[in-house]
Amino acid sequence: MIKMKLKKAKTLMEKAGSNILGVILNKAKVDKSSSYYHYYGDE
């Protein structure tokens, strides 16, 4: 459900000619075994 909403938002922004610079995910569940978690967590 959330993934579909994100895709729709991206499509609408692209149609409007906007550039997406990044994404902030507040309160997102993080899989502690992912490489991104360890990369940022160990700095």
N, C-alpha and C. Protein backbone atom coordinates (compact mmCIF):
# COMPACT_ATOMS: atom_id res chain seq x y z
N MET A 1 0.82 -1.19 0.00
CA MET A 1 0.00 0.00 0.00
C MET A 1 0.87 1.26 0.00
N ILE A 2 1.83 1.33 0.91
CA ILE A 2 2.69 2.51 0.98
C ILE A 2 3.55 2.60 -0.28
N LYS A 3 4.03 1.46 -0.77
CA LYS A 3 4.86 1.46 -1.97
C LYS A 3 4.08 2.02 -3.16
N MET A 4 2.80 1.69 -3.27
CA MET A 4 1.97 2.21 -4.36
C MET A 4 1.80 3.72 -4.24
N LYS A 5 1.63 4.21 -3.02
CA LYS A 5 1.48 5.65 -2.79
C LYS A 5 2.77 6.39 -3.14
N LEU A 6 3.91 5.80 -2.80
CA LEU A 6 5.19 6.42 -3.13
C LEU A 6 5.41 6.47 -4.63
N LYS A 7 5.05 5.40 -5.33
CA LYS A 7 5.19 5.37 -6.78
C LYS A 7 4.30 6.43 -7.43
N LYS A 8 3.07 6.57 -6.91
CA LYS A 8 2.15 7.57 -7.47
C LYS A 8 2.68 8.98 -7.22
N ALA A 9 3.18 9.23 -6.02
CA ALA A 9 3.74 10.54 -5.71
C ALA A 9 4.92 10.86 -6.62
N LYS A 10 5.78 9.87 -6.86
CA LYS A 10 6.93 10.06 -7.75
C LYS A 10 6.47 10.38 -9.16
N THR A 11 5.49 9.65 -9.64
CA THR A 11 4.96 9.88 -10.99
C THR A 11 4.38 11.28 -11.12
N LEU A 12 3.61 11.71 -10.12
CA LEU A 12 3.01 13.04 -10.16
C LEU A 12 4.07 14.14 -10.13
N MET A 13 5.12 13.93 -9.34
CA MET A 13 6.20 14.92 -9.28
C MET A 13 6.96 14.99 -10.60
N GLU A 14 7.18 13.84 -11.23
CA GLU A 14 7.86 13.82 -12.52
C GLU A 14 7.02 14.52 -13.59
N LYS A 15 5.71 14.31 -13.57
CA LYS A 15 4.81 14.97 -14.52
C LYS A 15 4.83 16.49 -14.34
N ALA A 16 5.02 16.93 -13.10
CA ALA A 16 5.06 18.36 -12.81
C ALA A 16 6.44 18.96 -13.10
N GLY A 17 7.40 18.12 -13.48
CA GLY A 17 8.74 18.60 -13.79
C GLY A 17 9.63 18.78 -12.57
N SER A 18 9.25 18.19 -11.45
CA SER A 18 10.03 18.31 -10.22
C SER A 18 11.19 17.33 -10.21
N ASN A 19 12.22 17.69 -9.47
CA ASN A 19 13.36 16.80 -9.25
C ASN A 19 13.32 16.31 -7.81
N ILE A 20 13.50 15.01 -7.63
CA ILE A 20 13.52 14.43 -6.29
C ILE A 20 14.98 14.36 -5.84
N LEU A 21 15.29 15.08 -4.77
CA LEU A 21 16.66 15.12 -4.27
C LEU A 21 16.96 14.02 -3.27
N GLY A 22 15.95 13.58 -2.56
CA GLY A 22 16.15 12.54 -1.56
C GLY A 22 14.84 12.19 -0.88
N VAL A 23 14.92 11.31 0.08
CA VAL A 23 13.72 10.84 0.77
C VAL A 23 14.03 10.74 2.26
N ILE A 24 13.06 11.13 3.08
CA ILE A 24 13.17 10.97 4.53
C ILE A 24 12.06 10.02 4.96
N LEU A 25 12.43 8.97 5.66
CA LEU A 25 11.44 7.99 6.13
C LEU A 25 11.38 8.04 7.65
N ASN A 26 10.42 8.77 8.18
CA ASN A 26 10.25 8.87 9.63
C ASN A 26 9.57 7.62 10.16
N LYS A 27 10.06 7.11 11.25
CA LYS A 27 9.50 5.94 11.93
C LYS A 27 9.45 4.71 11.05
N ALA A 28 10.35 4.61 10.09
CA ALA A 28 10.40 3.43 9.22
C ALA A 28 11.08 2.29 9.97
N LYS A 29 10.53 1.10 9.85
CA LYS A 29 11.15 -0.07 10.47
C LYS A 29 12.40 -0.42 9.67
N VAL A 30 13.50 -0.65 10.38
CA VAL A 30 14.78 -0.94 9.74
C VAL A 30 15.16 -2.38 10.02
N ASP A 31 15.52 -3.11 8.98
CA ASP A 31 16.02 -4.46 9.13
C ASP A 31 17.47 -4.35 9.59
N LYS A 32 17.75 -4.75 10.79
CA LYS A 32 19.09 -4.56 11.36
C LYS A 32 20.17 -5.38 10.66
N SER A 33 19.78 -6.28 9.77
CA SER A 33 20.78 -7.06 9.05
C SER A 33 21.14 -6.42 7.71
N SER A 34 20.49 -5.29 7.37
CA SER A 34 20.78 -4.66 6.08
C SER A 34 22.11 -3.93 6.13
N SER A 35 22.75 -3.81 4.98
CA SER A 35 24.06 -3.15 4.91
C SER A 35 23.95 -1.66 5.18
N TYR A 36 22.84 -1.04 4.80
CA TYR A 36 22.70 0.40 5.03
C TYR A 36 22.62 0.69 6.53
N TYR A 37 21.93 -0.16 7.25
CA TYR A 37 21.83 0.05 8.69
C TYR A 37 23.21 0.01 9.32
N HIS A 38 23.99 -0.99 8.97
CA HIS A 38 25.33 -1.12 9.54
C HIS A 38 26.24 0.00 9.06
N TYR A 39 26.11 0.39 7.82
CA TYR A 39 26.99 1.44 7.29
C TYR A 39 26.79 2.73 8.06
N TYR A 40 25.53 3.14 8.24
CA TYR A 40 25.27 4.39 8.93
C TYR A 40 25.37 4.22 10.44
N GLY A 41 25.08 3.04 10.93
CA GLY A 41 25.11 2.81 12.36
C GLY A 41 26.50 2.74 12.94
N ASP A 42 27.49 2.39 12.12
CA ASP A 42 28.85 2.22 12.63
C ASP A 42 29.71 3.47 12.50
N GLU A 43 29.18 4.51 11.90
CA GLU A 43 30.00 5.73 11.72
C GLU A 43 30.19 6.47 13.01
